[in-house]
Protein backbone atom coordinates (compact mmCIF):
# COMPACT_ATOMS: atom_id res chain seq x y z
CA MET A 1 15.11 27.47 22.82
CA THR A 2 15.21 24.56 20.36
CA THR A 3 12.57 21.88 19.94
CA ASN A 4 13.66 18.26 19.80
CA THR A 5 12.51 16.90 16.45
CA LYS A 6 14.51 13.67 16.54
CA PRO A 7 12.29 10.67 15.67
CA ILE A 8 11.37 8.17 18.34
CA LEU A 9 12.52 4.60 17.65
CA VAL A 10 10.19 1.67 18.29
CA SER A 11 10.61 -2.02 17.55
CA PHE A 12 8.50 -3.92 15.03
CA ASP A 13 6.97 -6.07 17.77
CA GLN A 14 6.27 -3.01 19.94
CA LEU A 15 4.47 -1.31 17.07
CA SER A 16 2.55 -4.47 16.09
CA VAL A 17 1.30 -5.06 19.63
CA PHE A 18 0.15 -1.45 19.99
CA ILE A 19 -1.76 -1.49 16.71
CA ALA A 20 -3.34 -4.87 17.53
CA CYS A 21 -4.48 -3.63 20.94
CA ALA A 22 -6.11 -0.58 19.37
CA LEU A 23 -7.88 -2.59 16.68
CA GLU A 24 -9.06 -5.23 19.13
CA ARG A 25 -10.39 -2.54 21.46
CA VAL A 26 -12.61 -1.15 18.67
CA GLY A 27 -14.05 -4.53 17.75
CA LEU A 28 -11.75 -6.63 15.58
CA PRO A 29 -11.33 -10.26 16.71
CA GLU A 30 -7.88 -10.94 18.16
CA GLN A 31 -6.69 -12.99 15.17
CA ASP A 32 -7.81 -10.38 12.66
CA ALA A 33 -6.36 -7.53 14.72
CA ASP A 34 -3.01 -9.31 14.90
CA LYS A 35 -2.93 -9.93 11.14
CA VAL A 36 -3.78 -6.33 10.25
CA ALA A 37 -1.35 -5.00 12.85
CA ARG A 38 1.59 -6.97 11.49
CA LEU A 39 0.90 -5.81 7.95
CA MET A 40 0.62 -2.18 9.09
CA ALA A 41 3.85 -2.45 11.07
CA LEU A 42 5.55 -4.09 8.07
CA ALA A 43 4.64 -0.99 6.07
CA ASP A 44 6.56 1.19 8.54
CA LEU A 45 9.39 -1.34 8.73
CA GLN A 46 10.03 -0.99 5.00
CA GLY A 47 9.74 2.79 5.04
CA SER A 48 6.21 3.02 3.59
CA ASP A 49 5.35 5.49 6.33
CA GLY A 50 2.36 6.94 4.51
CA HIS A 51 0.53 3.62 4.82
CA GLY A 52 1.54 2.23 8.22
CA VAL A 53 0.62 3.27 11.74
CA ILE A 54 -0.06 6.82 10.50
CA ARG A 55 -3.36 5.38 9.22
CA LEU A 56 -4.41 3.90 12.59
CA PRO A 57 -6.41 6.91 13.88
CA GLN A 58 -8.27 7.04 10.57
CA TYR A 59 -9.03 3.30 10.65
CA VAL A 60 -10.21 3.52 14.26
CA LYS A 61 -12.45 6.48 13.49
CA ARG A 62 -13.98 4.67 10.53
CA ILE A 63 -14.54 1.45 12.48
CA LEU A 64 -16.22 3.31 15.36
CA ALA A 65 -18.45 5.14 12.87
CA GLY A 66 -19.59 1.83 11.40
CA GLY A 67 -17.80 2.33 8.09
CA ILE A 68 -15.89 -0.97 8.34
CA ASN A 69 -17.32 -4.40 9.16
CA THR A 70 -15.43 -5.96 12.07
CA ARG A 71 -17.10 -9.38 11.72
CA PRO A 72 -16.98 -9.96 7.94
CA ASN A 73 -17.65 -13.02 5.85
CA ILE A 74 -14.82 -12.77 3.32
CA ARG A 75 -15.58 -15.31 0.61
CA VAL A 76 -15.14 -16.37 -3.00
CA VAL A 77 -18.36 -15.57 -4.88
CA SER A 78 -17.33 -16.62 -8.39
CA GLU A 79 -14.49 -18.73 -9.76
CA ARG A 80 -13.01 -20.76 -12.55
CA ALA A 81 -9.83 -22.82 -12.68
CA ALA A 82 -7.45 -19.84 -12.61
CA ILE A 83 -9.78 -16.97 -11.67
CA ALA A 84 -11.80 -15.98 -8.62
CA VAL A 85 -13.79 -13.00 -7.38
CA VAL A 86 -13.67 -12.30 -3.63
CA ASP A 87 -16.33 -10.33 -1.77
CA GLY A 88 -14.68 -8.66 1.20
CA ASP A 89 -17.95 -7.89 3.01
CA ASN A 90 -16.59 -4.40 3.83
CA ALA A 91 -13.77 -5.85 5.94
CA MET A 92 -10.43 -4.24 6.64
CA GLY A 93 -8.63 -4.26 3.30
CA HIS A 94 -5.61 -6.01 4.78
CA LEU A 95 -7.78 -9.03 5.58
CA VAL A 96 -9.45 -9.06 2.17
CA MET A 97 -6.17 -8.90 0.29
CA SER A 98 -4.44 -11.46 2.51
CA HIS A 99 -7.27 -13.87 1.70
CA SER A 100 -7.20 -12.96 -2.00
CA VAL A 101 -3.45 -13.59 -2.23
CA ASP A 102 -3.88 -17.02 -0.62
CA VAL A 103 -6.60 -17.92 -3.14
CA ALA A 104 -4.48 -16.68 -6.05
CA MET A 105 -1.46 -18.67 -4.86
CA GLU A 106 -3.49 -21.87 -4.58
CA LYS A 107 -4.86 -21.40 -8.08
CA ALA A 108 -1.35 -20.73 -9.37
CA ARG A 109 -0.15 -23.99 -7.82
CA GLN A 110 -2.88 -25.85 -9.68
CA ALA A 111 -3.09 -23.95 -12.98
CA GLY A 112 0.27 -22.15 -13.13
CA ILE A 113 -1.45 -18.79 -12.81
CA GLY A 114 -4.13 -17.28 -10.58
CA TRP A 115 -6.01 -13.99 -10.96
CA VAL A 116 -8.19 -12.89 -8.06
CA GLY A 117 -10.26 -9.72 -8.02
CA ALA A 118 -11.74 -8.27 -4.83
CA ARG A 119 -14.69 -6.00 -4.23
CA ALA A 120 -16.30 -4.63 -1.06
CA SER A 121 -12.80 -4.16 0.33
CA ASN A 122 -11.09 -1.19 1.98
CA HIS A 123 -7.72 0.56 2.12
CA ALA A 124 -5.06 -2.14 2.54
CA GLY A 125 -1.78 -0.29 2.97
CA PRO A 126 1.15 -0.30 0.54
CA ALA A 127 0.73 -2.45 -2.56
CA SER A 128 4.07 -4.22 -2.06
CA LEU A 129 2.77 -6.02 1.04
CA TYR A 130 0.73 -8.32 -1.17
CA VAL A 131 3.44 -9.44 -3.57
CA ARG A 132 5.85 -10.60 -0.86
CA LYS A 133 4.17 -13.86 0.17
CA PRO A 134 4.12 -15.18 -3.42
CA ILE A 135 7.80 -14.20 -3.74
CA GLU A 136 8.60 -16.35 -0.71
CA ASN A 137 6.88 -19.27 -2.48
CA ASN A 138 8.76 -19.00 -5.80
CA MET A 139 5.98 -17.05 -7.48
CA ILE A 140 5.75 -13.76 -9.35
CA ALA A 141 2.95 -11.45 -8.25
CA LEU A 142 1.28 -8.35 -9.65
CA TYR A 143 -1.12 -6.20 -7.63
CA PHE A 144 -3.51 -3.46 -8.75
CA ALA A 145 -5.83 -1.27 -6.70
CA VAL A 146 -8.24 1.64 -6.90
CA GLY A 147 -7.23 4.36 -4.44
CA ASN A 148 -9.57 5.37 -1.64
CA ALA A 149 -10.07 8.97 -2.76
CA ASN A 150 -9.90 10.68 -6.14
CA HIS A 151 -6.97 13.07 -6.38
CA LEU A 152 -6.30 12.93 -10.13
CA PRO A 153 -8.28 14.48 -13.00
CA PRO A 154 -8.17 13.07 -16.52
CA TRP A 155 -5.33 14.60 -18.54
CA GLY A 156 -6.31 18.14 -19.41
CA GLY A 157 -9.30 18.16 -17.04
CA MET A 158 -10.05 19.52 -13.58
CA GLU A 159 -12.61 17.08 -12.18
CA MET A 160 -10.91 14.47 -10.01
CA LEU A 161 -12.32 11.22 -11.42
CA LEU A 162 -9.26 9.02 -10.81
CA SER A 163 -7.09 8.07 -7.88
CA THR A 164 -3.45 7.19 -7.34
CA ASN A 165 -4.35 3.62 -8.44
CA PRO A 166 -1.14 1.82 -7.40
CA ILE A 167 0.70 -1.07 -9.00
CA ALA A 168 3.10 -3.52 -7.37
CA VAL A 169 5.16 -6.27 -9.01
CA GLY A 170 7.27 -8.78 -7.11
CA ILE A 171 9.85 -10.99 -8.83
CA PRO A 172 11.91 -13.54 -6.85
CA ALA A 173 15.69 -13.55 -7.02
CA GLY A 174 18.32 -15.94 -5.69
CA SER A 175 20.99 -14.45 -3.43
CA GLU A 176 19.86 -10.92 -4.27
CA ALA A 177 16.88 -9.15 -2.77
CA ALA A 178 13.69 -9.72 -4.74
CA VAL A 179 12.89 -7.13 -7.39
CA VAL A 180 9.82 -5.31 -6.03
CA LEU A 181 8.25 -2.39 -7.85
CA ASP A 182 5.64 -0.47 -5.84
CA MET A 183 4.38 2.71 -7.42
CA ALA A 184 1.42 5.00 -7.63
CA THR A 185 0.30 6.14 -11.05
CA THR A 186 0.68 9.67 -9.71
CA VAL A 187 4.08 11.27 -9.11
CA ALA A 188 3.51 10.76 -5.38
CA ALA A 189 0.98 8.70 -3.47
CA TYR A 190 -1.43 10.75 -1.36
CA GLY A 191 -0.14 8.92 1.71
CA LYS A 192 3.21 10.62 1.13
CA VAL A 193 1.46 13.98 1.08
CA LYS A 194 -0.13 13.16 4.45
CA ALA A 195 3.23 12.02 5.82
CA LYS A 196 4.83 15.31 4.72
CA ALA A 197 2.07 17.26 6.48
CA LYS A 198 2.56 15.21 9.66
CA ARG A 199 6.31 15.94 9.64
CA GLY A 200 5.80 19.62 8.85
CA GLU A 201 7.69 19.35 5.57
CA GLN A 202 7.05 20.94 2.18
CA MET A 203 6.31 18.87 -0.92
CA PRO A 204 8.76 18.90 -3.83
CA GLU A 205 7.66 20.80 -6.90
CA GLY A 206 5.99 18.41 -9.34
CA TRP A 207 3.87 16.45 -6.86
CA MET A 208 0.78 18.67 -6.98
CA ILE A 209 -0.60 21.74 -8.71
CA ASP A 210 -3.41 24.06 -7.73
CA ARG A 211 -6.46 24.80 -9.84
CA LEU A 212 -4.60 27.53 -11.67
CA GLY A 213 -1.92 25.07 -12.72
CA LYS A 214 0.70 26.50 -10.34
CA PRO A 215 2.93 24.29 -8.14
CA LEU A 216 1.39 23.43 -4.77
CA LEU A 217 4.08 22.85 -2.13
CA ASP A 218 2.26 23.03 1.22
CA PRO A 219 0.80 19.57 2.01
CA LYS A 220 -1.68 21.15 4.42
CA ARG A 221 -3.26 22.89 1.41
CA ALA A 222 -3.50 19.64 -0.60
CA GLU A 223 -7.26 19.91 -0.96
CA GLU A 224 -6.80 23.10 -2.96
CA GLY A 225 -5.30 21.17 -5.87
CA PHE A 226 -4.63 17.73 -7.28
CA LEU A 227 -1.87 15.22 -7.81
CA LEU A 228 0.01 14.99 -11.09
CA PRO A 229 0.25 11.70 -13.02
CA ILE A 230 3.58 10.07 -13.77
CA GLY A 231 4.68 10.62 -17.36
CA ALA A 232 1.98 13.22 -18.05
CA HIS A 233 -0.79 11.74 -20.27
CA LYS A 234 0.78 8.26 -20.03
CA GLY A 235 0.29 8.17 -16.26
CA TYR A 236 -3.32 9.26 -16.67
CA GLY A 237 -3.86 6.39 -19.11
CA LEU A 238 -2.20 3.94 -16.75
CA ALA A 239 -4.33 5.10 -13.79
CA LEU A 240 -7.45 4.58 -15.92
CA ILE A 241 -6.45 1.05 -16.98
CA VAL A 242 -5.52 0.02 -13.42
CA GLY A 243 -8.88 1.31 -12.18
CA LEU A 244 -10.75 -0.64 -14.84
CA LEU A 245 -8.90 -3.86 -13.93
CA ALA A 246 -9.07 -3.47 -10.15
CA GLY A 247 -12.39 -1.67 -9.83
CA THR A 248 -14.79 -1.93 -12.75
CA LEU A 249 -13.97 -5.57 -13.59
CA ASN A 250 -14.68 -6.64 -10.02
CA GLY A 251 -17.90 -4.68 -9.58
CA ALA A 252 -16.06 -2.27 -7.27
CA ALA A 253 -16.05 1.53 -7.15
CA MET A 254 -14.41 3.55 -9.91
CA GLY A 255 -14.69 7.16 -11.08
CA ARG A 256 -17.50 9.10 -9.43
CA ASP A 257 -18.41 6.05 -7.33
CA VAL A 258 -15.15 6.22 -5.35
CA VAL A 259 -15.80 7.22 -1.74
CA ASP A 260 -13.29 9.65 -0.22
CA PHE A 261 -12.48 7.90 3.03
CA ASN A 262 -10.62 11.00 4.22
CA HIS A 263 -13.96 12.77 4.67
CA ASP A 264 -16.57 10.02 4.87
CA ASP A 265 -16.27 7.56 7.76
CA VAL A 266 -19.61 5.83 7.28
CA THR A 267 -20.24 4.95 3.63
CA PRO A 268 -18.76 1.59 2.52
CA THR A 269 -15.97 2.34 0.06
CA ASN A 270 -16.42 -0.81 -2.07
CA THR A 271 -12.69 -0.67 -2.79
CA GLY A 272 -11.46 -2.85 -5.66
CA GLN A 273 -8.15 -4.68 -5.81
CA SER A 274 -6.71 -7.45 -7.98
CA VAL A 275 -3.75 -9.78 -7.62
CA LEU A 276 -2.17 -11.94 -10.31
CA VAL A 277 0.16 -14.76 -9.23
CA ILE A 278 2.39 -16.81 -11.55
CA ASP A 279 4.10 -20.02 -10.39
CA LEU A 280 7.71 -20.09 -11.60
CA ALA A 281 7.57 -23.89 -11.75
CA ALA A 282 5.12 -23.61 -14.65
CA PHE A 283 7.97 -22.19 -16.74
CA GLY A 284 10.82 -24.41 -15.56
CA GLU A 285 13.14 -24.77 -12.59
CA PRO A 286 12.64 -21.78 -10.24
CA ASP A 287 16.30 -21.71 -9.19
CA VAL A 288 17.39 -21.29 -12.81
CA PHE A 289 15.10 -18.28 -13.19
CA LYS A 290 16.23 -16.75 -9.91
CA ALA A 291 19.89 -17.17 -10.85
CA ALA A 292 19.17 -15.33 -14.12
CA VAL A 293 17.52 -12.53 -12.15
CA ASP A 294 20.62 -12.31 -9.95
CA ARG A 295 22.87 -11.97 -13.01
CA LEU A 296 20.70 -9.18 -14.41
CA VAL A 297 20.66 -7.40 -11.05
CA HIS A 298 24.48 -7.58 -10.93
CA ASP A 299 24.75 -6.23 -14.48
CA ILE A 300 22.44 -3.30 -13.75
CA ARG A 301 24.01 -2.43 -10.41
CA ASN A 302 27.55 -2.58 -11.80
CA SER A 303 26.80 -0.79 -15.07
CA GLU A 304 28.50 2.51 -15.91
CA ARG A 305 27.09 5.42 -13.93
CA LEU A 306 26.64 9.07 -14.72
CA PRO A 307 29.01 11.49 -12.99
CA GLY A 308 28.03 12.04 -9.37
CA VAL A 309 25.85 8.92 -9.13
CA GLU A 310 27.05 6.74 -6.26
CA ARG A 311 24.82 3.73 -6.85
CA ILE A 312 22.27 2.38 -9.30
CA TRP A 313 19.32 1.02 -7.34
CA LEU A 314 17.00 -1.84 -8.28
CA PRO A 315 13.29 -1.56 -7.42
CA GLY A 316 12.75 -2.70 -3.85
CA GLU A 317 16.39 -2.50 -2.73
CA GLN A 318 16.00 0.61 -0.61
CA SER A 319 12.95 -0.85 1.15
CA HIS A 320 14.91 -4.06 1.73
CA LEU A 321 17.77 -2.14 3.34
CA LYS A 322 15.34 -0.14 5.48
CA ARG A 323 13.79 -3.38 6.75
CA GLU A 324 17.22 -4.59 7.78
CA LYS A 325 18.19 -1.28 9.41
CA TYR A 326 14.88 -0.72 11.17
CA THR A 327 14.79 -4.31 12.41
CA ALA A 328 18.18 -3.76 14.04
CA ASP A 329 17.84 -0.14 15.19
CA GLY A 330 14.11 0.46 15.49
CA ILE A 331 11.45 2.11 13.33
CA PRO A 332 11.67 5.93 13.40
CA LEU A 333 8.39 7.71 14.09
CA PRO A 334 8.01 11.51 14.10
CA ILE A 335 7.34 13.01 17.53
CA GLY A 336 4.08 14.55 16.31
CA GLN A 337 2.85 11.18 15.13
CA VAL A 338 3.76 9.55 18.46
CA SER A 339 1.83 12.30 20.24
CA ASP A 340 -1.23 11.55 18.11
CA LEU A 341 -0.91 7.85 18.92
CA THR A 342 -0.58 8.62 22.63
CA ALA A 343 -3.80 10.64 22.46
CA LEU A 344 -5.49 7.75 20.64
CA ALA A 345 -4.31 5.30 23.30
CA PHE A 346 -5.80 7.53 26.00
CA GLU A 347 -9.12 7.68 24.15
CA LEU A 348 -9.23 3.90 23.75
CA GLY A 349 -7.99 3.11 27.27
CA ILE A 350 -4.95 1.12 26.15
CA ALA A 351 -1.25 1.39 27.02
CA PRO A 352 0.58 4.05 24.98
CA LEU A 353 3.13 3.08 22.37
CA VAL A 354 6.03 4.60 24.31
């Protein structure tokens, strides 16, 4: 007897409505629930499945435990011409960062550049979500965040004092897809480890090691080891710098102050994030810049390849193609994940996803 493991396909709107219903049922106002739901569904639409609807049960659990404020006062608490600090009032991170991006974009329109740091925020999904709106408005954006659990020790150490601390950069193009880099400072984001566990898959060697320094391949044993930084000591240094810029600078958690939201549903995480937005118009005609980006993209894509390499990819291209494919065909969700969401729907008294 064989078990059907074929993913279940759902539409973007179907997924967004389900997430919104769940979030509204546990206390988010309708407008906030809709905004968070669309951002979460966008994560799945672009293939960032470690940060999309897979996080919904965790968010719901944390909200019900009082760990997230469902009626926040998200506000600017300090600012200058091109800089602002946003206090998220322990809101859903998606709401805090959406507000922060809007503030940064407005400052960039006025000053050419806008840097906004956020504190008292929460997990906000994949970093690339927050560079896309500036891209659509002829702006470059950079995003930095402190992860919501420490899974990385300093290079040569064993105490996990750092997180995956992601970086995203979005650069507009003309006829080509925007260049979008979204990366953790570890070889793999912890969300990918969770996604592997949900699908019953093993991790590749090089993602994690155990406390004896041996490869750790079973994602269900992830707590027995720690993630590895990209580029060895260089990735450790990068994770530290990102944490200082996104956490310490904003008065947010960093190092031992980081709350592991995988095990603590009650304590405010005081997550720190920062976004930097640059208006292309401050440097000249945006279309001229975007045309130059297109030419560079063409040169890179059409450059000579190593034997056996079918295509040279630009950052963000594969996510762009997934958005197109999943929009047309549906977003694939593992059967086990759909079962979990069905159980959640039953608990909340809402219609199931499928």
